[in-house]
Amino acid sequence: MDVSADGTQLFVRFADSLLFAPGSAVVTPDALELMDKVGSLILEAAKPVRVEGHTDNVPIRNAQFQSNWQLSTARASYVIEYLIDKIGMPPELLSASGYSEYQ
């Protein structure tokens, strides 16, 4: 966890291997409890949330994803949909970005 220099933003980072299997955009069953806990906390805060998807630097090309860009964006979108559908986050507070392996 980090706080921005001006104190207005909180950054919570999780290793992709904690949430996703390699090459997958679906959260692992073991990570669901963590998603529920974090989701409940951010729901309670009622502040805007930006979910950023990332990948490792191993090129991917399969039937589902043509690039790490697609995979990272799909991961962020999965988390957003989970927050909306399972946690009850208002969609207007959420946004998603995909960064592949570049950030």
PDB file of N, CA and C in Angstrom:
ATOM      1  N   MET A   1       0.842  -1.174   0.000  1.00  0.00           N
ATOM      2  CA  MET A   1       0.000   0.000   0.000  1.00  0.00           C
ATOM      3  C   MET A   1       0.886   1.236   0.000  1.00  0.00           C
ATOM      4  N   ASP A   2       0.486   2.230  -0.759  1.00  0.00           N
ATOM      5  CA  ASP A   2       1.174   3.510  -0.813  1.00  0.00           C
ATOM      6  C   ASP A   2       0.144   4.622  -0.835  1.00  0.00           C
ATOM      7  N   VAL A   3       0.554   5.785  -0.393  1.00  0.00           N
ATOM      8  CA  VAL A   3      -0.274   6.983  -0.469  1.00  0.00           C
ATOM      9  C   VAL A   3       0.430   7.969  -1.381  1.00  0.00           C
ATOM     10  N   SER A   4      -0.333   8.663  -2.226  1.00  0.00           N
ATOM     11  CA  SER A   4       0.253   9.651  -3.122  1.00  0.00           C
ATOM     12  C   SER A   4       0.930  10.760  -2.319  1.00  0.00           C
ATOM     13  N   ALA A   5       1.856  11.464  -2.959  1.00  0.00           N
ATOM     14  CA  ALA A   5       2.619  12.514  -2.293  1.00  0.00           C
ATOM     15  C   ALA A   5       1.706  13.585  -1.682  1.00  0.00           C
ATOM     16  N   ASP A   6       0.598  13.871  -2.348  1.00  0.00           N
ATOM     17  CA  ASP A   6      -0.305  14.902  -1.822  1.00  0.00           C
ATOM     18  C   ASP A   6      -1.343  14.337  -0.849  1.00  0.00           C
ATOM     19  N   GLY A   7      -1.299  13.031  -0.620  1.00  0.00           N
ATOM     20  CA  GLY A   7      -2.192  12.406   0.351  1.00  0.00           C
ATOM     21  C   GLY A   7      -3.616  12.205  -0.100  1.00  0.00           C
ATOM     22  N   THR A   8      -3.875  12.388  -1.390  1.00  0.00           N
ATOM     23  CA  THR A   8      -5.257  12.287  -1.868  1.00  0.00           C
ATOM     24  C   THR A   8      -5.599  10.933  -2.476  1.00  0.00           C
ATOM     25  N   GLN A   9      -4.600  10.084  -2.698  1.00  0.00           N
ATOM     26  CA  GLN A   9      -4.863   8.793  -3.333  1.00  0.00           C
ATOM     27  C   GLN A   9      -4.188   7.668  -2.550  1.00  0.00           C
ATOM     28  N   LEU A  10      -4.875   6.552  -2.479  1.00  0.00           N
ATOM     29  CA  LEU A  10      -4.341   5.340  -1.876  1.00  0.00           C
ATOM     30  C   LEU A  10      -4.130   4.325  -2.981  1.00  0.00           C
ATOM     31  N   PHE A  11      -2.958   3.708  -3.005  1.00  0.00           N
ATOM     32  CA  PHE A  11      -2.639   2.690  -3.996  1.00  0.00           C
ATOM     33  C   PHE A  11      -2.511   1.346  -3.293  1.00  0.00           C
ATOM     34  N   VAL A  12      -3.274   0.369  -3.751  1.00  0.00           N
ATOM     35  CA  VAL A  12      -3.198  -0.989  -3.226  1.00  0.00           C
ATOM     36  C   VAL A  12      -2.774  -1.878  -4.383  1.00  0.00           C
ATOM     37  N   ARG A  13      -1.646  -2.550  -4.225  1.00  0.00           N
ATOM     38  CA  ARG A  13      -1.115  -3.383  -5.306  1.00  0.00           C
ATOM     39  C   ARG A  13      -1.067  -4.846  -4.872  1.00  0.00           C
ATOM     40  N   PHE A  14      -1.450  -5.704  -5.805  1.00  0.00           N
ATOM     41  CA  PHE A  14      -1.371  -7.143  -5.593  1.00  0.00           C
ATOM     42  C   PHE A  14      -0.554  -7.739  -6.725  1.00  0.00           C
ATOM     43  N   ALA A  15       0.298  -8.678  -6.409  1.00  0.00           N
ATOM     44  CA  ALA A  15       1.027  -9.389  -7.451  1.00  0.00           C
ATOM     45  C   ALA A  15       0.024 -10.143  -8.302  1.00  0.00           C
ATOM     46  N   ASP A  16       0.227 -10.121  -9.629  1.00  0.00           N
ATOM     47  CA  ASP A  16      -0.722 -10.824 -10.497  1.00  0.00           C
ATOM     48  C   ASP A  16      -0.809 -12.300 -10.141  1.00  0.00           C
ATOM     49  N   SER A  17       0.303 -12.880  -9.693  1.00  0.00           N
ATOM     50  CA  SER A  17       0.294 -14.305  -9.349  1.00  0.00           C
ATOM     51  C   SER A  17      -0.568 -14.595  -8.125  1.00  0.00           C
ATOM     52  N   LEU A  18      -0.868 -13.571  -7.332  1.00  0.00           N
ATOM     53  CA  LEU A  18      -1.746 -13.743  -6.186  1.00  0.00           C
ATOM     54  C   LEU A  18      -3.200 -13.873  -6.618  1.00  0.00           C
ATOM     55  N   LEU A  19      -3.560 -13.180  -7.695  1.00  0.00           N
ATOM     56  CA  LEU A  19      -4.953 -13.148  -8.132  1.00  0.00           C
ATOM     57  C   LEU A  19      -5.253 -14.026  -9.341  1.00  0.00           C
ATOM     58  N   PHE A  20      -4.283 -14.172 -10.247  1.00  0.00           N
ATOM     59  CA  PHE A  20      -4.547 -14.828 -11.527  1.00  0.00           C
ATOM     60  C   PHE A  20      -3.539 -15.936 -11.813  1.00  0.00           C
ATOM     61  N   ALA A  21      -4.008 -16.982 -12.461  1.00  0.00           N
ATOM     62  CA  ALA A  21      -3.100 -17.997 -13.002  1.00  0.00           C
ATOM     63  C   ALA A  21      -2.431 -17.406 -14.251  1.00  0.00           C
ATOM     64  N   PRO A  22      -1.259 -17.869 -14.604  1.00  0.00           N
ATOM     65  CA  PRO A  22      -0.599 -17.344 -15.809  1.00  0.00           C
ATOM     66  C   PRO A  22      -1.506 -17.453 -17.037  1.00  0.00           C
ATOM     67  N   GLY A  23      -1.591 -16.363 -17.798  1.00  0.00           N
ATOM     68  CA  GLY A  23      -2.384 -16.359 -19.016  1.00  0.00           C
ATOM     69  C   GLY A  23      -3.885 -16.299 -18.809  1.00  0.00           C
ATOM     70  N   SER A  24      -4.335 -16.094 -17.566  1.00  0.00           N
ATOM     71  CA  SER A  24      -5.770 -16.092 -17.262  1.00  0.00           C
ATOM     72  C   SER A  24      -6.233 -14.709 -16.815  1.00  0.00           C
ATOM     73  N   ALA A  25      -7.481 -14.388 -17.116  1.00  0.00           N
ATOM     74  CA  ALA A  25      -8.098 -13.142 -16.662  1.00  0.00           C
ATOM     75  C   ALA A  25      -9.194 -13.402 -15.643  1.00  0.00           C
ATOM     76  N   VAL A  26      -9.259 -14.622 -15.123  1.00  0.00           N
ATOM     77  CA  VAL A  26     -10.255 -14.990 -14.118  1.00  0.00           C
ATOM     78  C   VAL A  26      -9.537 -15.160 -12.784  1.00  0.00           C
ATOM     79  N   VAL A  27     -10.033 -14.495 -11.756  1.00  0.00           N
ATOM     80  CA  VAL A  27      -9.425 -14.578 -10.429  1.00  0.00           C
ATOM     81  C   VAL A  27      -9.482 -16.029  -9.945  1.00  0.00           C
ATOM     82  N   THR A  28      -8.400 -16.471  -9.334  1.00  0.00           N
ATOM     83  CA  THR A  28      -8.352 -17.845  -8.828  1.00  0.00           C
ATOM     84  C   THR A  28      -9.312 -18.006  -7.653  1.00  0.00           C
ATOM     85  N   PRO A  29      -9.827 -19.205  -7.442  1.00  0.00           N
ATOM     86  CA  PRO A  29     -10.733 -19.428  -6.306  1.00  0.00           C
ATOM     87  C   PRO A  29     -10.101 -19.034  -4.971  1.00  0.00           C
ATOM     88  N   ASP A  30      -8.800 -19.239  -4.812  1.00  0.00           N
ATOM     89  CA  ASP A  30      -8.120 -18.883  -3.565  1.00  0.00           C
ATOM     90  C   ASP A  30      -8.115 -17.379  -3.322  1.00  0.00           C
ATOM     91  N   ALA A  31      -8.219 -16.574  -4.366  1.00  0.00           N
ATOM     92  CA  ALA A  31      -8.157 -15.114  -4.232  1.00  0.00           C
ATOM     93  C   ALA A  31      -9.523 -14.486  -3.968  1.00  0.00           C
ATOM     94  N   LEU A  32     -10.588 -15.252  -4.078  1.00  0.00           N
ATOM     95  CA  LEU A  32     -11.927 -14.685  -3.919  1.00  0.00           C
ATOM     96  C   LEU A  32     -12.158 -14.099  -2.529  1.00  0.00           C
ATOM     97  N   GLU A  33     -11.649 -14.733  -1.497  1.00  0.00           N
ATOM     98  CA  GLU A  33     -11.816 -14.208  -0.141  1.00  0.00           C
ATOM     99  C   GLU A  33     -11.125 -12.849  -0.013  1.00  0.00           C
ATOM    100  N   LEU A  34      -9.935 -12.736  -0.576  1.00  0.00           N
ATOM    101  CA  LEU A  34      -9.221 -11.458  -0.574  1.00  0.00           C
ATOM    102  C   LEU A  34     -10.009 -10.404  -1.342  1.00  0.00           C
ATOM    103  N   MET A  35     -10.529 -10.766  -2.507  1.00  0.00           N
ATOM    104  CA  MET A  35     -11.333  -9.830  -3.304  1.00  0.00           C
ATOM    105  C   MET A  35     -12.554  -9.349  -2.519  1.00  0.00           C
ATOM    106  N   ASP A  36     -13.184 -10.262  -1.796  1.00  0.00           N
ATOM    107  CA  ASP A  36     -14.353  -9.892  -0.999  1.00  0.00           C
ATOM    108  C   ASP A  36     -13.982  -8.907   0.114  1.00  0.00           C
ATOM    109  N   LYS A  37     -12.873  -9.147   0.786  1.00  0.00           N
ATOM    110  CA  LYS A  37     -12.457  -8.265   1.883  1.00  0.00           C
ATOM    111  C   LYS A  37     -12.071  -6.884   1.365  1.00  0.00           C
ATOM    112  N   VAL A  38     -11.245  -6.848   0.337  1.00  0.00           N
ATOM    113  CA  VAL A  38     -10.828  -5.569  -0.233  1.00  0.00           C
ATOM    114  C   VAL A  38     -12.032  -4.843  -0.827  1.00  0.00           C
ATOM    115  N   GLY A  39     -12.881  -5.577  -1.525  1.00  0.00           N
ATOM    116  CA  GLY A  39     -14.075  -4.990  -2.112  1.00  0.00           C
ATOM    117  C   GLY A  39     -14.977  -4.358  -1.070  1.00  0.00           C
ATOM    118  N   SER A  40     -15.154  -5.024   0.039  1.00  0.00           N
ATOM    119  CA  SER A  40     -15.993  -4.473   1.112  1.00  0.00           C
ATOM    120  C   SER A  40     -15.416  -3.181   1.664  1.00  0.00           C
ATOM    121  N   LEU A  41     -14.104  -3.117   1.784  1.00  0.00           N
ATOM    122  CA  LEU A  41     -13.454  -1.905   2.287  1.00  0.00           C
ATOM    123  C   LEU A  41     -13.614  -0.735   1.325  1.00  0.00           C
ATOM    124  N   ILE A  42     -13.441  -0.997   0.037  1.00  0.00           N
ATOM    125  CA  ILE A  42     -13.558   0.113  -0.908  1.00  0.00           C
ATOM    126  C   ILE A  42     -15.024   0.504  -1.124  1.00  0.00           C
ATOM    127  N   LEU A  43     -15.928  -0.430  -0.972  1.00  0.00           N
ATOM    128  CA  LEU A  43     -17.353  -0.088  -1.026  1.00  0.00           C
ATOM    129  C   LEU A  43     -17.698   0.866   0.110  1.00  0.00           C
ATOM    130  N   GLU A  44     -17.184   0.563   1.289  1.00  0.00           N
ATOM    131  CA  GLU A  44     -17.441   1.385   2.458  1.00  0.00           C
ATOM    132  C   GLU A  44     -16.882   2.807   2.284  1.00  0.00           C
ATOM    133  N   ALA A  45     -15.740   2.918   1.608  1.00  0.00           N
ATOM    134  CA  ALA A  45     -15.111   4.228   1.408  1.00  0.00           C
ATOM    135  C   ALA A  45     -15.901   5.095   0.429  1.00  0.00           C
ATOM    136  N   ALA A  46     -16.608   4.476  -0.506  1.00  0.00           N
ATOM    137  CA  ALA A  46     -17.439   5.188  -1.487  1.00  0.00           C
ATOM    138  C   ALA A  46     -16.668   6.267  -2.240  1.00  0.00           C
ATOM    139  N   LYS A  47     -15.460   5.919  -2.660  1.00  0.00           N
ATOM    140  CA  LYS A  47     -14.603   6.831  -3.430  1.00  0.00           C
ATOM    141  C   LYS A  47     -14.334   6.226  -4.807  1.00  0.00           C
ATOM    142  N   PRO A  48     -13.938   7.055  -5.770  1.00  0.00           N
ATOM    143  CA  PRO A  48     -13.589   6.515  -7.094  1.00  0.00           C
ATOM    144  C   PRO A  48     -12.436   5.516  -7.006  1.00  0.00           C
ATOM    145  N   VAL A  49     -12.528   4.467  -7.813  1.00  0.00           N
ATOM    146  CA  VAL A  49     -11.518   3.406  -7.835  1.00  0.00           C
ATOM    147  C   VAL A  49     -11.098   3.162  -9.280  1.00  0.00           C
ATOM    148  N   ARG A  50      -9.793   3.137  -9.515  1.00  0.00           N
ATOM    149  CA  ARG A  50      -9.256   2.779 -10.826  1.00  0.00           C
ATOM    150  C   ARG A  50      -8.525   1.452 -10.672  1.00  0.00           C
ATOM    151  N   VAL A  51      -8.960   0.452 -11.411  1.00  0.00           N
ATOM    152  CA  VAL A  51      -8.324  -0.858 -11.400  1.00  0.00           C
ATOM    153  C   VAL A  51      -7.396  -0.935 -12.602  1.00  0.00           C
ATOM    154  N   GLU A  52      -6.137  -1.248 -12.335  1.00  0.00           N
ATOM    155  CA  GLU A  52      -5.139  -1.343 -13.394  1.00  0.00           C
ATOM    156  C   GLU A  52      -4.704  -2.796 -13.545  1.00  0.00           C
ATOM    157  N   GLY A  53      -4.829  -3.312 -14.765  1.00  0.00           N
ATOM    158  CA  GLY A  53      -4.414  -4.676 -15.049  1.00  0.00           C
ATOM    159  C   GLY A  53      -2.993  -4.705 -15.582  1.00  0.00           C
ATOM    160  N   HIS A  54      -2.263  -5.735 -15.195  1.00  0.00           N
ATOM    161  CA  HIS A  54      -0.870  -5.910 -15.621  1.00  0.00           C
ATOM    162  C   HIS A  54      -0.633  -7.376 -15.983  1.00  0.00           C
ATOM    163  N   THR A  55       0.494  -7.633 -16.609  1.00  0.00           N
ATOM    164  CA  THR A  55       0.909  -8.999 -16.931  1.00  0.00           C
ATOM    165  C   THR A  55       2.411  -9.119 -16.691  1.00  0.00           C
ATOM    166  N   ASP A  56       2.915 -10.320 -16.865  1.00  0.00           N
ATOM    167  CA  ASP A  56       4.370 -10.483 -16.878  1.00  0.00           C
ATOM    168  C   ASP A  56       4.867 -10.143 -18.279  1.00  0.00           C
ATOM    169  N   ASN A  57       6.141 -10.354 -18.539  1.00  0.00           N
ATOM    170  CA  ASN A  57       6.680  -9.996 -19.849  1.00  0.00           C
ATOM    171  C   ASN A  57       6.811 -11.191 -20.795  1.00  0.00           C
ATOM    172  N   VAL A  58       6.133 -12.281 -20.478  1.00  0.00           N
ATOM    173  CA  VAL A  58       6.128 -13.444 -21.360  1.00  0.00           C
ATOM    174  C   VAL A  58       5.041 -13.232 -22.412  1.00  0.00           C
ATOM    175  N   PRO A  59       5.401 -13.164 -23.691  1.00  0.00           N
ATOM    176  CA  PRO A  59       4.389 -12.921 -24.732  1.00  0.00           C
ATOM    177  C   PRO A  59       3.295 -13.988 -24.708  1.00  0.00           C
ATOM    178  N   ILE A  60       2.074 -13.541 -24.891  1.00  0.00           N
ATOM    179  CA  ILE A  60       0.945 -14.466 -24.931  1.00  0.00           C
ATOM    180  C   ILE A  60       0.280 -14.344 -26.297  1.00  0.00           C
ATOM    181  N   ARG A  61      -0.155 -15.456 -26.791  1.00  0.00           N
ATOM    182  CA  ARG A  61      -0.922 -15.475 -28.037  1.00  0.00           C
ATOM    183  C   ARG A  61      -1.673 -16.797 -28.045  1.00  0.00           C
ATOM    184  N   ASN A  62      -2.950 -16.707 -27.710  1.00  0.00           N
ATOM    185  CA  ASN A  62      -3.769 -17.906 -27.715  1.00  0.00           C
ATOM    186  C   ASN A  62      -5.148 -17.563 -28.270  1.00  0.00           C
ATOM    187  N   ALA A  63      -6.055 -18.490 -28.195  1.00  0.00           N
ATOM    188  CA  ALA A  63      -7.385 -18.273 -28.769  1.00  0.00           C
ATOM    189  C   ALA A  63      -8.141 -17.141 -28.070  1.00  0.00           C
ATOM    190  N   GLN A  64      -7.828 -16.907 -26.809  1.00  0.00           N
ATOM    191  CA  GLN A  64      -8.556 -15.893 -26.056  1.00  0.00           C
ATOM    192  C   GLN A  64      -7.879 -14.519 -26.089  1.00  0.00           C
ATOM    193  N   PHE A  65      -6.554 -14.481 -26.027  1.00  0.00           N
ATOM    194  CA  PHE A  65      -5.820 -13.221 -25.970  1.00  0.00           C
ATOM    195  C   PHE A  65      -4.729 -13.188 -27.029  1.00  0.00           C
ATOM    196  N   GLN A  66      -4.728 -12.138 -27.814  1.00  0.00           N
ATOM    197  CA  GLN A  66      -3.722 -11.979 -28.865  1.00  0.00           C
ATOM    198  C   GLN A  66      -2.459 -11.286 -28.363  1.00  0.00           C
ATOM    199  N   SER A  67      -2.545 -10.680 -27.170  1.00  0.00           N
ATOM    200  CA  SER A  67      -1.396  -9.949 -26.646  1.00  0.00           C
ATOM    201  C   SER A  67      -1.527  -9.767 -25.138  1.00  0.00           C
ATOM    202  N   ASN A  68      -0.433  -9.371 -24.512  1.00  0.00           N
ATOM    203  CA  ASN A  68      -0.465  -9.040 -23.089  1.00  0.00           C
ATOM    204  C   ASN A  68      -1.319  -7.805 -22.819  1.00  0.00           C
ATOM    205  N   TRP A  69      -1.445  -6.930 -23.814  1.00  0.00           N
ATOM    206  CA  TRP A  69      -2.351  -5.781 -23.661  1.00  0.00           C
ATOM    207  C   TRP A  69      -3.777  -6.256 -23.435  1.00  0.00           C
ATOM    208  N   GLN A  70      -4.222  -7.206 -24.250  1.00  0.00           N
ATOM    209  CA  GLN A  70      -5.586  -7.718 -24.109  1.00  0.00           C
ATOM    210  C   GLN A  70      -5.766  -8.421 -22.770  1.00  0.00           C
ATOM    211  N   LEU A  71      -4.769  -9.201 -22.384  1.00  0.00           N
ATOM    212  CA  LEU A  71      -4.854  -9.915 -21.108  1.00  0.00           C
ATOM    213  C   LEU A  71      -4.927  -8.927 -19.937  1.00  0.00           C
ATOM    214  N   SER A  72      -4.087  -7.908 -19.942  1.00  0.00           N
ATOM    215  CA  SER A  72      -4.087  -6.958 -18.819  1.00  0.00           C
ATOM    216  C   SER A  72      -5.410  -6.200 -18.727  1.00  0.00           C
ATOM    217  N   THR A  73      -5.967  -5.835 -19.861  1.00  0.00           N
ATOM    218  CA  THR A  73      -7.251  -5.137 -19.869  1.00  0.00           C
ATOM    219  C   THR A  73      -8.373  -6.062 -19.408  1.00  0.00           C
ATOM    220  N   ALA A  74      -8.324  -7.314 -19.829  1.00  0.00           N
ATOM    221  CA  ALA A  74      -9.334  -8.285 -19.396  1.00  0.00           C
ATOM    222  C   ALA A  74      -9.261  -8.516 -17.888  1.00  0.00           C
ATOM    223  N   ARG A  75      -8.059  -8.533 -17.329  1.00  0.00           N
ATOM    224  CA  ARG A  75      -7.911  -8.707 -15.883  1.00  0.00           C
ATOM    225  C   ARG A  75      -8.544  -7.539 -15.134  1.00  0.00           C
ATOM    226  N   ALA A  76      -8.260  -6.328 -15.588  1.00  0.00           N
ATOM    227  CA  ALA A  76      -8.854  -5.153 -14.935  1.00  0.00           C
ATOM    228  C   ALA A  76     -10.377  -5.181 -15.061  1.00  0.00           C
ATOM    229  N   SER A  77     -10.869  -5.546 -16.230  1.00  0.00           N
ATOM    230  CA  SER A  77     -12.320  -5.617 -16.445  1.00  0.00           C
ATOM    231  C   SER A  77     -12.968  -6.682 -15.569  1.00  0.00           C
ATOM    232  N   TYR A  78     -12.302  -7.820 -15.404  1.00  0.00           N
ATOM    233  CA  TYR A  78     -12.837  -8.876 -14.544  1.00  0.00           C
ATOM    234  C   TYR A  78     -13.014  -8.351 -13.120  1.00  0.00           C
ATOM    235  N   VAL A  79     -11.989  -7.656 -12.609  1.00  0.00           N
ATOM    236  CA  VAL A  79     -12.060  -7.127 -11.246  1.00  0.00           C
ATOM    237  C   VAL A  79     -13.186  -6.101 -11.130  1.00  0.00           C
ATOM    238  N   ILE A  80     -13.326  -5.227 -12.124  1.00  0.00           N
ATOM    239  CA  ILE A  80     -14.408  -4.237 -12.124  1.00  0.00           C
ATOM    240  C   ILE A  80     -15.767  -4.931 -12.075  1.00  0.00           C
ATOM    241  N   GLU A  81     -15.957  -5.920 -12.926  1.00  0.00           N
ATOM    242  CA  GLU A  81     -17.232  -6.636 -12.955  1.00  0.00           C
ATOM    243  C   GLU A  81     -17.494  -7.349 -11.635  1.00  0.00           C
ATOM    244  N   TYR A  82     -16.450  -7.896 -11.027  1.00  0.00           N
ATOM    245  CA  TYR A  82     -16.601  -8.544  -9.731  1.00  0.00           C
ATOM    246  C   TYR A  82     -17.054  -7.529  -8.683  1.00  0.00           C
ATOM    247  N   LEU A  83     -16.411  -6.360  -8.688  1.00  0.00           N
ATOM    248  CA  LEU A  83     -16.774  -5.326  -7.719  1.00  0.00           C
ATOM    249  C   LEU A  83     -18.225  -4.872  -7.886  1.00  0.00           C
ATOM    250  N   ILE A  84     -18.677  -4.802  -9.109  1.00  0.00           N
ATOM    251  CA  ILE A  84     -20.065  -4.396  -9.374  1.00  0.00           C
ATOM    252  C   ILE A  84     -21.034  -5.521  -8.998  1.00  0.00           C
ATOM    253  N   ASP A  85     -20.787  -6.721  -9.534  1.00  0.00           N
ATOM    254  CA  ASP A  85     -21.736  -7.831  -9.392  1.00  0.00           C
ATOM    255  C   ASP A  85     -21.737  -8.477  -8.011  1.00  0.00           C
ATOM    256  N   LYS A  86     -20.582  -8.647  -7.410  1.00  0.00           N
ATOM    257  CA  LYS A  86     -20.492  -9.382  -6.134  1.00  0.00           C
ATOM    258  C   LYS A  86     -20.420  -8.480  -4.911  1.00  0.00           C
ATOM    259  N   ILE A  87     -19.846  -7.300  -5.078  1.00  0.00           N
ATOM    260  CA  ILE A  87     -19.661  -6.406  -3.930  1.00  0.00           C
ATOM    261  C   ILE A  87     -20.721  -5.313  -3.889  1.00  0.00           C
ATOM    262  N   GLY A  88     -21.267  -4.967  -5.057  1.00  0.00           N
ATOM    263  CA  GLY A  88     -22.293  -3.930  -5.112  1.00  0.00           C
ATOM    264  C   GLY A  88     -21.743  -2.522  -5.297  1.00  0.00           C
ATOM    265  N   MET A  89     -20.515  -2.408  -5.822  1.00  0.00           N
ATOM    266  CA  MET A  89     -19.928  -1.087  -6.073  1.00  0.00           C
ATOM    267  C   MET A  89     -20.736  -0.358  -7.140  1.00  0.00           C
ATOM    268  N   PRO A  90     -20.977   0.925  -6.956  1.00  0.00           N
ATOM    269  CA  PRO A  90     -21.636   1.702  -8.003  1.00  0.00           C
ATOM    270  C   PRO A  90     -20.720   1.823  -9.225  1.00  0.00           C
ATOM    271  N   PRO A  91     -21.169   1.451 -10.406  1.00  0.00           N
ATOM    272  CA  PRO A  91     -20.320   1.479 -11.603  1.00  0.00           C
ATOM    273  C   PRO A  91     -19.734   2.856 -11.900  1.00  0.00           C
ATOM    274  N   GLU A  92     -20.438   3.906 -11.526  1.00  0.00           N
ATOM    275  CA  GLU A  92     -19.933   5.248 -11.828  1.00  0.00           C
ATOM    276  C   GLU A  92     -18.684   5.605 -11.020  1.00  0.00           C
ATOM    277  N   LEU A  93     -18.336   4.812 -10.016  1.00  0.00           N
ATOM    278  CA  LEU A  93     -17.114   5.052  -9.242  1.00  0.00           C
ATOM    279  C   LEU A  93     -15.918   4.251  -9.769  1.00  0.00           C
ATOM    280  N   LEU A  94     -16.131   3.447 -10.797  1.00  0.00           N
ATOM    281  CA  LEU A  94     -15.095   2.511 -11.242  1.00  0.00           C
ATOM    282  C   LEU A  94     -14.574   2.826 -12.637  1.00  0.00           C
ATOM    283  N   SER A  95     -13.290   2.549 -12.832  1.00  0.00           N
ATOM    284  CA  SER A  95     -12.684   2.612 -14.166  1.00  0.00           C
ATOM    285  C   SER A  95     -11.606   1.540 -14.240  1.00  0.00           C
ATOM    286  N   ALA A  96     -11.279   1.139 -15.474  1.00  0.00           N
ATOM    287  CA  ALA A  96     -10.295   0.081 -15.685  1.00  0.00           C
ATOM    288  C   ALA A  96      -9.266   0.518 -16.717  1.00  0.00           C
ATOM    289  N   SER A  97      -8.028   0.065 -16.518  1.00  0.00           N
ATOM    290  CA  SER A  97      -6.931   0.326 -17.455  1.00  0.00           C
ATOM    291  C   SER A  97      -6.102  -0.942 -17.584  1.00  0.00           C
ATOM    292  N   GLY A  98      -5.509  -1.133 -18.751  1.00  0.00           N
ATOM    293  CA  GLY A  98      -4.599  -2.251 -18.965  1.00  0.00           C
ATOM    294  C   GLY A  98      -3.228  -1.737 -19.360  1.00  0.00           C
ATOM    295  N   TYR A  99      -2.185  -2.241 -18.705  1.00  0.00           N
ATOM    296  CA  TYR A  99      -0.825  -1.757 -18.931  1.00  0.00           C
ATOM    297  C   TYR A  99       0.135  -2.822 -19.442  1.00  0.00           C
ATOM    298  N   SER A 100      -0.390  -4.027 -19.692  1.00  0.00           N
ATOM    299  CA  SER A 100       0.479  -5.104 -20.143  1.00  0.00           C
ATOM    300  C   SER A 100       1.619  -5.261 -19.150  1.00  0.00           C
ATOM    301  N   GLU A 101       2.859  -5.417 -19.630  1.00  0.00           N
ATOM    302  CA  GLU A 101       4.003  -5.555 -18.718  1.00  0.00           C
ATOM    303  C   GLU A 101       4.747  -4.245 -18.541  1.00  0.00           C
ATOM    304  N   TYR A 102       4.216  -3.145 -19.052  1.00  0.00           N
ATOM    305  CA  TYR A 102       4.987  -1.910 -19.148  1.00  0.00           C
ATOM    306  C   TYR A 102       4.937  -0.985 -17.939  1.00  0.00           C
ATOM    307  N   GLN A 103       4.126  -1.268 -16.954  1.00  0.00           N
ATOM    308  CA  GLN A 103       4.148  -0.462 -15.726  1.00  0.00           C
ATOM    309  C   GLN A 103       4.060  -1.368 -14.531  1.00  0.00           C
TER     310      GLN A 103
END
